[in-house]
Amino acid sequence: MKNAQTSYSDVRLRFDAVIETATDGIVIIDEAGKMELVNPAAAALFGYAVEDLIGCNINMLMPSPHREKHDTYVKNYLTTGIRHIIGIGREVEGLKKNGDLFPFRLSISEVLLHDRRIFTGIIHDLTEQKNAERALQREKERAQRYLDVANSLFIVINRDETVALINKKGTEILGYSEMELVGQNWFDLCVPMEARQKRRQSFQSIMAGRELRFDYFENPVETKYGETRLFAFRNSLLRDAQGGVFAIISSAVDITEQRAAEERIRQLNAELENRVEERTEELAEAVNQLLNTNHKLEFEIQERKTIEQALRKSEGELRDLYEREKELNNLKSRFVAMASHEFRTPLSAILSSADLIEAYTEKEQLEKRLKHTGRIKSAVSNLTSILNDFLSLSKLEEGKVQCEPVRCVLPPFFQEILDELQGLLKPGQWIVHTPLPPDTTVFVDKKMLKNILYNLLSNAIKYSPAGKQIDFSVRVQAGKLHLLVKDYGIGIPEEEQQHLFSRFFRAHNVENIQGTGLGLNIVKRYLELMQGNVTFESKLGEGTTFLVEVPVETA
């Protein structure tokens, strides 16, 4: 008997320990809905003390209309035995003591005792999960807005050939809405039947890692209206945390008219060659006829000599003309070959097209053309900057960036950065820099340090008005490299300073100034890898000062 009591006591202690230490909330109610047991985790979730809940009806933790209907739910089950939620997990909302609602996953089980039944509820808080899902959706929408400003088609195609993302320009080119494209098979919807199988096989080879050259393709695309256009695709693979390829991102430019123009030039060259050949044959025949005539006029020797001399002279002129035409033809052929090569050069194809538009346009349209080419070049530069920020962020997220200190002589290193920034300075701006001793040498990751300093100084230039100076000072002290960047610009609103190093954050007073909101986040991430830190002070309308500390070894 004593052993049985001891065993029961041990079991009871284990049960209480499990209930008390469980991270999920646990609540046991009777058939009337009154709470018999509430563990600390459940009480904390709802903002109550455990003793405040014991004996109370469970409906006090439910928002309307479930609060008013809960007792009816229980009575219907006890009467009919039909289960609606028992044994089935589902997401619901809970009502905290302070009136706030929060999401959680509820699992209910029924326990039959010898004289009654009880119901056990397991409560798993979903607040952080839901917040993360909302944050992820906001970032996805923000990235979509960046892509929508591009003047080229941008598309992401999943491994299963479905469209994951497409920008606004892409929907305009293809004639489909975003809803009609996302989730659909790209090859079935937008690749012409005659090219579909070959393009699909090439795509699967890229996904499997068998296709090594995939950065540039020229592929036909079929629009919603049945029109087939030729596009130049620039491609990059998207990989997961394990390095596996899960999608491909592509930018595409319509080159249908460009290729048609090239084909027309080739046809004209062929026609010119045929005409020159025909003309040569005609001239040769004419010469032969003249020679035959001369042979028949033997009695007119002097006249024949005169005619022969004239013919020789004519032949020389014709040969010169033929050689000049042949040389012109060769020049045109070399031009076509050169232009064809330049069109295939990564990214410069877009800029070359802009230059050709400026060079080969009608007089009355020149002003408008120049205006549009300026916009194209600006869009390319902006897009390159955005993609560079996304690439740096992607490498940091995937853990591909490692701190690799090397020997660095600081004065020429900093001077090189300052020289690169000269082209960004506004009229009247200048950078005040007190140089270090010429032989100051440390061991530091030069790429990371350059990225950090370039970001801070370019921001100081961007957010300062013309005619203002920018201060930049450096010192090495006690095993640390200290950097100071100070501007006298627009400053950062105090209420927004806490978010300054967040991804995609931009203060409300810089919304009309170009930027991605990634630069300072990348700076902070690089400093974390270098075991350094960054602090700042800012006053609205007066300017901002950034202080950077990086541990270094002196040489």
Protein backbone atom coordinates (compact mmCIF):
# COMPACT_ATOMS: atom_id res chain seq x y z
CA MET A 1 0.00 0.00 0.00
CA LYS A 2 2.84 2.33 0.92
CA ASN A 3 4.62 1.57 -2.38
CA ALA A 4 1.44 2.35 -4.31
CA GLN A 5 1.09 5.69 -2.54
CA THR A 6 4.74 6.49 -3.23
CA SER A 7 4.31 5.58 -6.93
CA TYR A 8 1.21 7.76 -7.19
CA SER A 9 3.03 10.62 -5.52
CA ASP A 10 5.91 10.32 -8.01
CA VAL A 11 3.53 10.33 -10.95
CA ARG A 12 1.72 13.36 -9.54
CA LEU A 13 4.99 15.24 -9.09
CA ARG A 14 6.07 14.47 -12.67
CA PHE A 15 2.67 15.59 -13.99
CA ASP A 16 2.84 18.86 -12.04
CA ALA A 17 6.41 19.48 -13.27
CA VAL A 18 5.37 18.99 -16.89
CA ILE A 19 2.36 21.30 -16.51
CA GLU A 20 4.27 24.01 -14.66
CA THR A 21 7.27 24.10 -17.02
CA ALA A 22 5.47 23.70 -20.36
CA THR A 23 6.11 26.61 -22.75
CA ASP A 24 2.66 26.22 -24.33
CA GLY A 25 -0.43 27.12 -22.41
CA ILE A 26 -2.49 24.25 -20.91
CA VAL A 27 -6.08 24.67 -19.67
CA ILE A 28 -8.45 21.95 -18.32
CA ILE A 29 -12.18 22.67 -18.09
CA ASP A 30 -15.17 20.66 -16.88
CA GLU A 31 -18.42 20.00 -18.74
CA ALA A 32 -19.79 23.38 -17.61
CA GLY A 33 -16.84 25.23 -19.11
CA LYS A 34 -15.22 26.12 -15.77
CA MET A 35 -11.45 26.09 -15.60
CA GLU A 36 -10.06 23.42 -13.21
CA LEU A 37 -6.38 23.78 -14.14
CA VAL A 38 -4.39 26.60 -15.76
CA ASN A 39 -0.61 26.41 -16.08
CA PRO A 40 1.59 29.54 -15.68
CA ALA A 41 2.28 29.75 -19.42
CA ALA A 42 -1.46 29.97 -20.21
CA ALA A 43 -2.09 32.56 -17.48
CA ALA A 44 0.82 34.70 -18.74
CA LEU A 45 -0.45 34.56 -22.34
CA PHE A 46 -3.79 36.05 -21.30
CA GLY A 47 -2.31 38.47 -18.75
CA TYR A 48 -3.87 36.89 -15.63
CA ALA A 49 -2.59 35.25 -12.49
CA VAL A 50 -3.40 31.52 -12.24
CA GLU A 51 -5.67 32.02 -9.22
CA ASP A 52 -7.70 34.65 -11.16
CA LEU A 53 -8.76 32.00 -13.69
CA ILE A 54 -9.44 28.85 -11.63
CA GLY A 55 -13.19 28.30 -11.31
CA CYS A 56 -14.09 30.88 -13.97
CA ASN A 57 -15.80 30.09 -17.27
CA ILE A 58 -13.41 29.64 -20.16
CA ASN A 59 -15.49 32.04 -22.28
CA MET A 60 -13.93 35.00 -20.43
CA LEU A 61 -10.84 34.39 -22.59
CA MET A 62 -12.80 34.56 -25.87
CA PRO A 63 -13.79 37.60 -27.96
CA SER A 64 -17.34 38.04 -29.22
CA PRO A 65 -19.28 36.31 -30.73
CA HIS A 66 -17.55 33.09 -29.55
CA ARG A 67 -17.85 34.15 -25.88
CA GLU A 68 -21.61 34.18 -26.03
CA LYS A 69 -21.88 30.94 -28.06
CA HIS A 70 -19.29 28.74 -26.28
CA ASP A 71 -21.65 27.22 -23.68
CA THR A 72 -24.03 26.32 -26.52
CA TYR A 73 -21.16 24.61 -28.42
CA VAL A 74 -20.39 22.44 -25.35
CA LYS A 75 -24.07 21.54 -24.72
CA ASN A 76 -24.58 20.55 -28.36
CA TYR A 77 -21.56 18.22 -28.20
CA LEU A 78 -22.65 16.67 -24.90
CA THR A 79 -26.11 16.11 -26.38
CA THR A 80 -25.26 14.92 -29.90
CA GLY A 81 -21.70 13.62 -29.56
CA ILE A 82 -20.86 15.29 -32.91
CA ARG A 83 -17.33 16.75 -32.87
CA HIS A 84 -16.60 20.04 -34.54
CA ILE A 85 -13.33 21.15 -32.94
CA ILE A 86 -12.36 18.34 -30.51
CA GLY A 87 -9.34 16.46 -31.83
CA ILE A 88 -8.86 19.06 -34.60
CA GLY A 89 -6.28 21.84 -34.28
CA ARG A 90 -7.25 25.28 -35.59
CA GLU A 91 -6.20 28.92 -35.40
CA VAL A 92 -8.34 31.18 -33.16
CA GLU A 93 -8.04 34.51 -31.32
CA GLY A 94 -7.75 34.97 -27.57
CA LEU A 95 -8.86 37.93 -25.43
CA LYS A 96 -6.25 39.23 -22.98
CA LYS A 97 -7.06 40.85 -19.67
CA ASN A 98 -6.18 44.27 -21.11
CA GLY A 99 -8.60 43.77 -24.01
CA ASP A 100 -5.97 42.97 -26.65
CA LEU A 101 -6.52 40.09 -29.08
CA PHE A 102 -3.76 37.66 -30.06
CA PRO A 103 -3.64 34.66 -32.44
CA PHE A 104 -2.92 31.11 -31.26
CA ARG A 105 -3.30 27.49 -32.36
CA LEU A 106 -5.79 25.58 -30.19
CA SER A 107 -5.83 21.79 -29.82
CA ILE A 108 -8.64 20.25 -27.72
CA SER A 109 -8.82 16.69 -26.42
CA GLU A 110 -11.48 14.93 -24.36
CA VAL A 111 -10.63 12.86 -21.26
CA LEU A 112 -13.23 10.44 -19.80
CA LEU A 113 -12.94 9.90 -16.03
CA HIS A 114 -14.88 7.25 -14.08
CA ASP A 115 -17.69 9.65 -13.13
CA ARG A 116 -17.34 12.61 -15.51
CA ARG A 117 -15.44 14.04 -18.46
CA ILE A 118 -12.99 16.93 -18.81
CA PHE A 119 -11.54 18.80 -21.79
CA THR A 120 -7.87 19.73 -22.18
CA GLY A 121 -6.79 22.64 -24.39
CA ILE A 122 -3.21 23.18 -25.60
CA ILE A 123 -2.53 26.83 -26.56
CA HIS A 124 0.42 27.70 -28.86
CA ASP A 125 1.00 31.46 -29.28
CA LEU A 126 1.23 32.49 -32.99
CA THR A 127 1.93 36.20 -32.40
CA GLU A 128 5.59 36.14 -33.49
CA GLN A 129 4.82 33.87 -36.46
CA LYS A 130 2.06 36.17 -37.70
CA ASN A 131 4.24 39.26 -37.23
CA ALA A 132 7.03 37.58 -39.22
CA GLU A 133 4.58 36.63 -42.00
CA ARG A 134 3.32 40.22 -42.21
CA ALA A 135 6.89 41.60 -42.25
CA LEU A 136 7.85 39.16 -45.01
CA GLN A 137 4.85 40.20 -47.08
CA ARG A 138 5.71 43.89 -46.63
CA GLU A 139 9.30 43.27 -47.78
CA LYS A 140 8.06 41.32 -50.79
CA GLU A 141 5.70 44.16 -51.74
CA ARG A 142 8.52 46.69 -51.29
CA ALA A 143 10.86 44.68 -53.53
CA GLN A 144 8.06 44.44 -56.11
CA ARG A 145 7.75 48.25 -56.11
CA TYR A 146 11.50 48.60 -56.81
CA LEU A 147 11.25 46.21 -59.76
CA ASP A 148 8.17 47.98 -61.10
CA VAL A 149 10.16 51.17 -61.76
CA ALA A 150 12.51 49.33 -64.13
CA ASN A 151 12.00 49.86 -67.86
CA SER A 152 12.77 46.21 -68.69
CA LEU A 153 10.89 42.97 -68.13
CA PHE A 154 11.88 41.35 -64.82
CA ILE A 155 10.68 37.84 -63.97
CA VAL A 156 11.39 35.08 -61.42
CA ILE A 157 10.66 31.50 -62.56
CA ASN A 158 10.52 28.69 -59.98
CA ARG A 159 12.18 25.32 -60.39
CA ASP A 160 8.76 23.83 -61.32
CA GLU A 161 8.55 26.33 -64.27
CA THR A 162 5.87 28.49 -62.62
CA VAL A 163 6.09 32.29 -62.52
CA ALA A 164 6.88 33.50 -58.98
CA LEU A 165 7.18 37.25 -59.66
CA ILE A 166 6.94 39.68 -62.56
CA ASN A 167 7.23 43.47 -62.62
CA LYS A 168 4.75 45.96 -64.04
CA LYS A 169 6.72 46.48 -67.26
CA GLY A 170 6.62 42.73 -67.85
CA THR A 171 2.84 42.59 -67.61
CA GLU A 172 2.57 45.52 -70.04
CA ILE A 173 4.86 43.81 -72.58
CA LEU A 174 3.15 40.42 -72.37
CA GLY A 175 -0.40 41.75 -72.19
CA TYR A 176 -1.30 39.64 -69.13
CA SER A 177 -2.18 40.88 -65.67
CA GLU A 178 0.01 39.85 -62.74
CA MET A 179 -2.79 37.56 -61.50
CA GLU A 180 -2.91 35.81 -64.89
CA LEU A 181 0.87 35.14 -64.83
CA VAL A 182 1.88 34.35 -61.23
CA GLY A 183 1.56 30.64 -60.51
CA GLN A 184 1.22 29.70 -64.21
CA ASN A 185 3.68 27.59 -66.22
CA TRP A 186 5.92 30.07 -68.09
CA PHE A 187 6.69 27.76 -71.01
CA ASP A 188 3.07 26.70 -71.58
CA LEU A 189 1.80 30.28 -71.42
CA CYS A 190 4.48 32.48 -73.03
CA VAL A 191 6.84 30.35 -75.14
CA PRO A 192 5.81 29.59 -78.76
CA MET A 193 4.91 25.94 -79.43
CA GLU A 194 7.76 25.37 -81.91
CA ALA A 195 10.41 26.52 -79.38
CA ARG A 196 8.77 25.24 -76.19
CA GLN A 197 10.39 21.79 -75.86
CA LYS A 198 13.93 23.04 -76.54
CA ARG A 199 13.64 26.00 -74.12
CA ARG A 200 12.12 23.77 -71.43
CA GLN A 201 14.98 21.27 -71.69
CA SER A 202 17.52 24.09 -71.47
CA PHE A 203 15.78 25.48 -68.35
CA GLN A 204 15.77 22.08 -66.62
CA SER A 205 19.48 21.64 -67.45
CA ILE A 206 20.20 24.99 -65.75
CA MET A 207 18.18 24.00 -62.68
CA ALA A 208 20.07 20.67 -62.49
CA GLY A 209 23.46 22.38 -62.86
CA ARG A 210 24.25 20.80 -66.22
CA GLU A 211 24.13 24.08 -68.17
CA LEU A 212 27.23 26.14 -67.35
CA ARG A 213 26.63 29.11 -69.67
CA PHE A 214 23.26 30.56 -68.80
CA ASP A 215 23.86 34.27 -68.19
CA TYR A 216 22.65 35.37 -71.66
CA PHE A 217 20.00 33.92 -74.00
CA GLU A 218 17.95 35.20 -76.91
CA ASN A 219 14.54 33.53 -76.79
CA PRO A 220 11.19 34.03 -78.55
CA VAL A 221 8.23 35.04 -76.37
CA GLU A 222 4.55 34.88 -77.28
CA THR A 223 2.26 37.63 -75.93
CA LYS A 224 -1.34 37.25 -74.88
CA TYR A 225 -2.42 38.51 -78.30
CA GLY A 226 -0.49 35.81 -80.20
CA GLU A 227 2.39 38.06 -81.31
CA THR A 228 5.89 36.49 -81.17
CA ARG A 229 8.72 38.80 -80.12
CA LEU A 230 12.46 38.16 -79.65
CA PHE A 231 13.92 39.02 -76.22
CA ALA A 232 17.49 39.14 -74.88
CA PHE A 233 17.49 37.56 -71.40
CA ARG A 234 20.11 38.23 -68.70
CA ASN A 235 19.86 35.52 -66.04
CA SER A 236 21.00 34.81 -62.48
CA LEU A 237 20.33 31.81 -60.24
CA LEU A 238 18.56 32.10 -56.87
CA ARG A 239 19.80 29.68 -54.20
CA ASP A 240 18.46 28.60 -50.81
CA ALA A 241 20.42 28.54 -47.54
CA GLN A 242 21.91 25.15 -48.46
CA GLY A 243 23.14 26.43 -51.83
CA GLY A 244 20.51 24.62 -53.87
CA VAL A 245 19.00 26.36 -56.91
CA PHE A 246 15.28 27.03 -56.44
CA ALA A 247 14.57 29.68 -59.09
CA ILE A 248 16.05 31.89 -61.80
CA ILE A 249 15.68 35.70 -62.05
CA SER A 250 15.87 37.28 -65.48
CA SER A 251 15.80 40.75 -67.02
CA ALA A 252 14.72 40.90 -70.65
CA VAL A 253 14.83 43.51 -73.42
CA ASP A 254 12.83 43.33 -76.67
CA ILE A 255 15.36 43.10 -79.53
CA THR A 256 12.91 42.20 -82.31
CA GLU A 257 13.39 45.44 -84.27
CA GLN A 258 17.14 45.42 -83.63
CA ARG A 259 17.57 41.92 -85.09
CA ALA A 260 15.27 42.80 -88.00
CA ALA A 261 17.46 45.83 -88.78
CA GLU A 262 20.59 43.69 -88.66
CA GLU A 263 19.00 41.17 -91.04
CA ARG A 264 18.02 43.99 -93.38
CA ILE A 265 21.64 45.23 -93.42
CA ARG A 266 22.87 41.73 -94.24
CA GLN A 267 20.35 41.49 -97.08
CA LEU A 268 21.42 44.87 -98.46
CA ASN A 269 25.07 43.80 -98.36
CA ALA A 270 24.24 40.60 -100.25
CA GLU A 271 22.26 42.58 -102.83
CA LEU A 272 25.16 45.02 -103.24
CA GLU A 273 27.63 42.19 -103.80
CA ASN A 274 25.33 40.68 -106.45
CA ARG A 275 24.98 44.03 -108.20
CA VAL A 276 28.75 44.59 -108.25
CA GLU A 277 29.27 41.11 -109.68
CA GLU A 278 26.63 41.65 -112.37
CA ARG A 279 28.10 45.02 -113.25
CA THR A 280 31.59 43.51 -113.56
CA GLU A 281 30.30 40.83 -115.90
CA GLU A 282 28.52 43.43 -118.01
CA LEU A 283 31.67 45.52 -118.23
CA ALA A 284 33.77 42.49 -119.18
CA GLU A 285 31.30 41.64 -121.93
CA ALA A 286 31.44 45.20 -123.20
CA VAL A 287 35.23 45.07 -123.30
CA ASN A 288 35.14 41.79 -125.23
CA GLN A 289 32.75 43.27 -127.76
CA LEU A 290 35.02 46.26 -128.22
CA LEU A 291 38.04 44.03 -128.71
CA ASN A 292 36.19 41.96 -131.33
CA THR A 293 35.27 45.14 -133.11
CA ASN A 294 38.87 46.27 -133.05
CA HIS A 295 40.00 42.97 -134.62
CA LYS A 296 37.55 43.48 -137.43
CA LEU A 297 38.88 46.99 -138.11
CA GLU A 298 42.44 46.00 -138.98
CA PHE A 299 42.67 48.57 -141.73
CA GLU A 300 42.03 51.28 -139.15
CA ILE A 301 45.10 50.51 -137.02
CA GLN A 302 45.55 53.98 -135.67
CA GLU A 303 41.92 54.28 -134.70
CA ARG A 304 42.04 50.85 -133.06
CA LYS A 305 45.06 51.89 -130.94
CA THR A 306 43.23 54.99 -129.87
CA ILE A 307 40.16 52.92 -128.96
CA GLU A 308 42.31 50.35 -127.10
CA GLN A 309 43.97 53.08 -125.06
CA ALA A 310 40.58 54.50 -124.19
CA LEU A 311 39.35 51.06 -123.20
CA ARG A 312 42.39 50.43 -120.99
CA LYS A 313 41.83 53.71 -119.30
CA SER A 314 38.14 52.86 -118.82
CA GLU A 315 39.09 49.47 -117.41
CA GLY A 316 41.44 51.10 -114.90
CA GLU A 317 38.71 53.48 -113.77
CA LEU A 318 36.25 50.61 -113.50
CA ARG A 319 38.72 48.56 -111.47
CA ASP A 320 39.27 51.50 -109.13
CA LEU A 321 35.51 51.90 -108.79
CA TYR A 322 35.11 48.17 -108.11
CA GLU A 323 37.88 48.20 -105.49
CA ARG A 324 36.33 51.21 -103.79
CA GLU A 325 32.91 49.51 -103.72
CA LYS A 326 34.50 46.30 -102.45
CA GLU A 327 36.31 48.21 -99.71
CA LEU A 328 33.04 49.93 -98.74
CA ASN A 329 31.34 46.55 -98.56
CA ASN A 330 34.11 45.19 -96.31
CA LEU A 331 33.78 48.21 -94.04
CA LYS A 332 30.06 47.64 -93.74
CA SER A 333 30.60 43.93 -92.99
CA ARG A 334 33.12 44.75 -90.23
CA PHE A 335 30.71 47.31 -88.80
CA VAL A 336 27.91 44.72 -88.67
CA ALA A 337 30.24 42.18 -86.97
CA MET A 338 31.38 44.77 -84.42
CA ALA A 339 27.84 45.93 -83.66
CA SER A 340 26.67 42.32 -83.31
CA HIS A 341 29.47 41.66 -80.80
CA GLU A 342 28.63 44.78 -78.77
CA PHE A 343 24.95 43.81 -78.58
CA ARG A 344 26.01 40.60 -76.86
CA THR A 345 28.13 42.34 -74.19
CA PRO A 346 26.41 42.06 -70.71
CA LEU A 347 24.42 45.13 -69.71
CA SER A 348 26.22 47.43 -72.23
CA ALA A 349 23.67 46.23 -74.83
CA ILE A 350 21.05 48.49 -73.27
CA LEU A 351 23.38 51.50 -73.18
CA SER A 352 24.57 50.81 -76.76
CA SER A 353 20.95 50.74 -77.91
CA ALA A 354 20.48 54.16 -76.29
CA ASP A 355 23.54 55.50 -78.15
CA LEU A 356 22.19 54.11 -81.45
CA ILE A 357 18.87 55.77 -80.85
CA GLU A 358 20.69 59.11 -80.40
CA ALA A 359 22.79 58.54 -83.50
CA TYR A 360 20.10 57.17 -85.88
CA THR A 361 17.00 59.26 -85.38
CA GLU A 362 14.99 61.61 -87.38
CA LYS A 363 15.80 65.29 -87.06
CA GLU A 364 12.40 66.41 -85.83
CA GLN A 365 12.37 63.70 -83.14
CA LEU A 366 15.87 64.30 -81.82
CA GLU A 367 14.91 66.25 -78.70
CA LYS A 368 12.38 63.66 -77.54
CA ARG A 369 14.77 60.79 -78.31
CA LEU A 370 17.56 62.39 -76.30
CA LYS A 371 15.19 62.90 -73.39
CA HIS A 372 14.18 59.23 -73.40
CA THR A 373 17.75 57.96 -73.76
CA GLY A 374 18.67 60.00 -70.69
CA ARG A 375 15.92 58.28 -68.77
CA ILE A 376 17.04 54.84 -69.97
CA LYS A 377 20.63 55.45 -68.84
CA SER A 378 19.47 56.80 -65.48
CA ALA A 379 17.19 53.79 -65.00
CA VAL A 380 20.08 51.42 -65.80
CA SER A 381 22.33 53.19 -63.25
CA ASN A 382 19.61 53.18 -60.60
CA LEU A 383 18.77 49.53 -61.22
CA THR A 384 22.47 48.57 -61.02
CA SER A 385 22.76 50.33 -57.65
CA ILE A 386 19.61 48.59 -56.36
CA LEU A 387 20.78 45.16 -57.55
CA ASN A 388 24.22 45.74 -55.96
CA ASP A 389 22.53 46.46 -52.63
CA PHE A 390 20.31 43.37 -52.98
CA LEU A 391 23.34 41.25 -53.93
CA SER A 392 25.31 42.43 -50.87
CA LEU A 393 22.30 41.80 -48.64
CA SER A 394 21.73 38.35 -50.21
CA LYS A 395 25.36 37.32 -49.63
CA LEU A 396 25.15 38.49 -46.02
CA GLU A 397 21.87 36.60 -45.48
CA GLU A 398 23.36 33.40 -46.94
CA GLY A 399 26.48 33.68 -44.79
CA LYS A 400 28.77 33.88 -47.81
CA VAL A 401 30.63 36.98 -46.55
CA GLN A 402 33.68 36.30 -44.35
CA CYS A 403 36.01 38.83 -42.72
CA GLU A 404 39.46 38.48 -44.33
CA PRO A 405 41.96 41.00 -42.84
CA VAL A 406 44.96 41.92 -45.01
CA ARG A 407 47.78 44.40 -44.69
CA CYS A 408 46.54 47.90 -45.57
CA VAL A 409 48.44 51.21 -45.77
CA LEU A 410 45.66 53.59 -44.71
CA PRO A 411 46.54 57.03 -46.27
CA PRO A 412 46.53 55.92 -49.97
CA PHE A 413 43.58 53.60 -49.26
CA PHE A 414 41.44 56.50 -47.95
CA GLN A 415 42.65 58.86 -50.71
CA GLU A 416 41.49 56.39 -53.38
CA ILE A 417 37.99 56.37 -51.86
CA LEU A 418 37.90 60.17 -51.66
CA ASP A 419 38.94 60.40 -55.33
CA GLU A 420 36.10 58.08 -56.36
CA LEU A 421 33.60 60.26 -54.48
CA GLN A 422 34.58 63.49 -56.26
CA GLY A 423 32.10 62.82 -59.06
CA LEU A 424 29.22 62.65 -56.52
CA LEU A 425 29.88 66.05 -54.90
CA LYS A 426 27.24 68.72 -55.50
CA PRO A 427 28.30 72.25 -56.56
CA GLY A 428 30.25 73.92 -53.76
CA GLN A 429 30.53 70.76 -51.60
CA TRP A 430 33.95 69.63 -50.34
CA ILE A 431 35.31 66.96 -47.97
CA VAL A 432 37.57 68.12 -45.13
CA HIS A 433 40.02 65.28 -44.33
CA THR A 434 43.03 65.38 -41.99
CA PRO A 435 45.43 62.72 -43.29
CA LEU A 436 47.24 60.14 -41.14
CA PRO A 437 51.02 59.75 -41.11
CA PRO A 438 51.98 58.34 -44.53
CA ASP A 439 53.20 54.96 -43.18
CA THR A 440 50.17 54.17 -40.99
CA THR A 441 49.50 50.45 -41.63
CA VAL A 442 46.96 48.01 -40.10
CA PHE A 443 45.48 44.61 -40.83
CA VAL A 444 41.81 44.96 -41.86
CA ASP A 445 39.30 43.63 -44.42
CA LYS A 446 39.77 46.28 -47.14
CA LYS A 447 36.61 45.40 -49.12
CA MET A 448 34.33 45.69 -46.09
CA LEU A 449 36.02 48.88 -44.86
CA LYS A 450 35.72 50.49 -48.32
CA ASN A 451 32.01 49.56 -48.54
CA ILE A 452 31.36 51.02 -45.05
CA LEU A 453 33.18 54.29 -45.70
CA TYR A 454 31.77 54.69 -49.24
CA ASN A 455 28.21 54.27 -47.90
CA LEU A 456 28.67 56.79 -45.08
CA LEU A 457 30.39 59.45 -47.21
CA SER A 458 28.03 59.06 -50.20
CA ASN A 459 25.07 59.41 -47.79
CA ALA A 460 26.63 62.57 -46.34
CA ILE A 461 26.94 63.99 -49.87
CA LYS A 462 23.45 62.90 -50.89
CA TYR A 463 21.66 64.34 -47.83
CA SER A 464 23.61 67.63 -47.65
CA PRO A 465 22.78 70.70 -49.74
CA ALA A 466 25.17 72.28 -52.23
CA GLY A 467 27.83 74.51 -50.76
CA LYS A 468 28.22 72.54 -47.49
CA GLN A 469 31.40 70.88 -46.24
CA ILE A 470 31.64 67.26 -45.05
CA ASP A 471 34.07 66.28 -42.29
CA PHE A 472 36.00 63.00 -42.39
CA SER A 473 38.60 62.14 -39.74
CA VAL A 474 40.55 58.96 -38.87
CA ARG A 475 42.71 57.85 -35.95
CA VAL A 476 44.24 54.57 -34.78
CA GLN A 477 44.32 54.20 -31.01
CA ALA A 478 44.49 51.30 -28.53
CA GLY A 479 44.09 48.61 -31.17
CA LYS A 480 41.06 50.24 -32.80
CA LEU A 481 40.46 52.18 -36.01
CA HIS A 482 38.18 55.17 -35.34
CA LEU A 483 36.30 56.82 -38.23
CA LEU A 484 34.16 60.00 -38.05
CA VAL A 485 31.88 61.17 -40.88
CA LYS A 486 29.95 64.39 -40.23
CA ASP A 487 27.62 66.35 -42.48
CA TYR A 488 25.64 69.56 -42.07
CA GLY A 489 22.60 68.40 -44.00
CA ILE A 490 18.94 67.64 -43.41
CA GLY A 491 19.40 65.37 -40.38
CA ILE A 492 17.21 62.46 -39.22
CA PRO A 493 13.87 62.91 -37.39
CA GLU A 494 14.31 61.89 -33.75
CA GLU A 495 11.26 59.61 -33.72
CA GLU A 496 12.65 57.63 -36.67
CA GLN A 497 16.27 57.27 -35.53
CA GLN A 498 15.61 53.93 -33.79
CA HIS A 499 14.84 52.34 -37.19
CA LEU A 500 17.88 53.76 -39.03
CA PHE A 501 19.74 50.44 -39.45
CA SER A 502 16.64 48.41 -40.41
CA ARG A 503 16.41 46.92 -43.91
CA PHE A 504 14.55 49.10 -46.44
CA PHE A 505 14.00 51.89 -43.86
CA ARG A 506 13.98 55.42 -45.19
CA ALA A 507 13.06 58.47 -43.08
CA HIS A 508 10.04 60.48 -44.25
CA ASN A 509 12.20 63.53 -45.06
CA VAL A 510 14.23 61.63 -47.74
CA GLU A 511 11.39 59.98 -49.66
CA ASN A 512 12.09 62.21 -52.69
CA ILE A 513 15.83 61.38 -52.69
CA GLN A 514 17.03 58.26 -54.52
CA GLY A 515 18.01 55.30 -52.31
CA THR A 516 17.16 51.69 -51.43
CA GLY A 517 17.16 51.85 -47.63
CA LEU A 518 19.73 49.03 -47.52
CA GLY A 519 23.05 50.89 -47.25
CA LEU A 520 23.18 51.45 -43.47
CA ASN A 521 21.83 47.95 -42.79
CA ILE A 522 24.70 46.53 -44.86
CA VAL A 523 27.18 48.81 -43.01
CA LYS A 524 25.98 47.48 -39.65
CA ARG A 525 26.13 43.86 -40.84
CA TYR A 526 29.69 44.31 -42.15
CA LEU A 527 30.76 45.88 -38.83
CA GLU A 528 29.26 42.95 -36.93
CA LEU A 529 31.39 40.57 -39.03
CA MET A 530 34.44 42.75 -38.28
CA GLN A 531 33.51 42.81 -34.53
CA GLY A 532 33.16 46.58 -34.76
CA ASN A 533 30.27 48.97 -34.07
CA VAL A 534 28.69 52.17 -35.32
CA THR A 535 26.92 54.98 -33.42
CA PHE A 536 25.43 58.27 -34.57
CA GLU A 537 24.04 61.60 -33.46
CA SER A 538 21.61 63.64 -35.53
CA LYS A 539 19.49 66.77 -35.27
CA LEU A 540 16.83 67.63 -37.79
CA GLY A 541 18.00 70.45 -40.06
CA GLU A 542 21.50 70.55 -38.52
CA GLY A 543 23.18 67.36 -39.74
CA THR A 544 24.37 63.90 -38.70
CA THR A 545 27.58 62.46 -37.26
CA PHE A 546 28.53 58.75 -37.59
CA LEU A 547 31.25 57.19 -35.40
CA VAL A 548 32.73 53.82 -36.42
CA GLU A 549 35.08 51.63 -34.35
CA VAL A 550 36.86 48.60 -35.84
CA PRO A 551 39.36 46.36 -33.97
CA VAL A 552 42.64 46.19 -35.94
CA GLU A 553 46.18 44.92 -35.57
CA THR A 554 48.89 47.45 -36.37
CA ALA A 555 51.74 46.44 -38.63
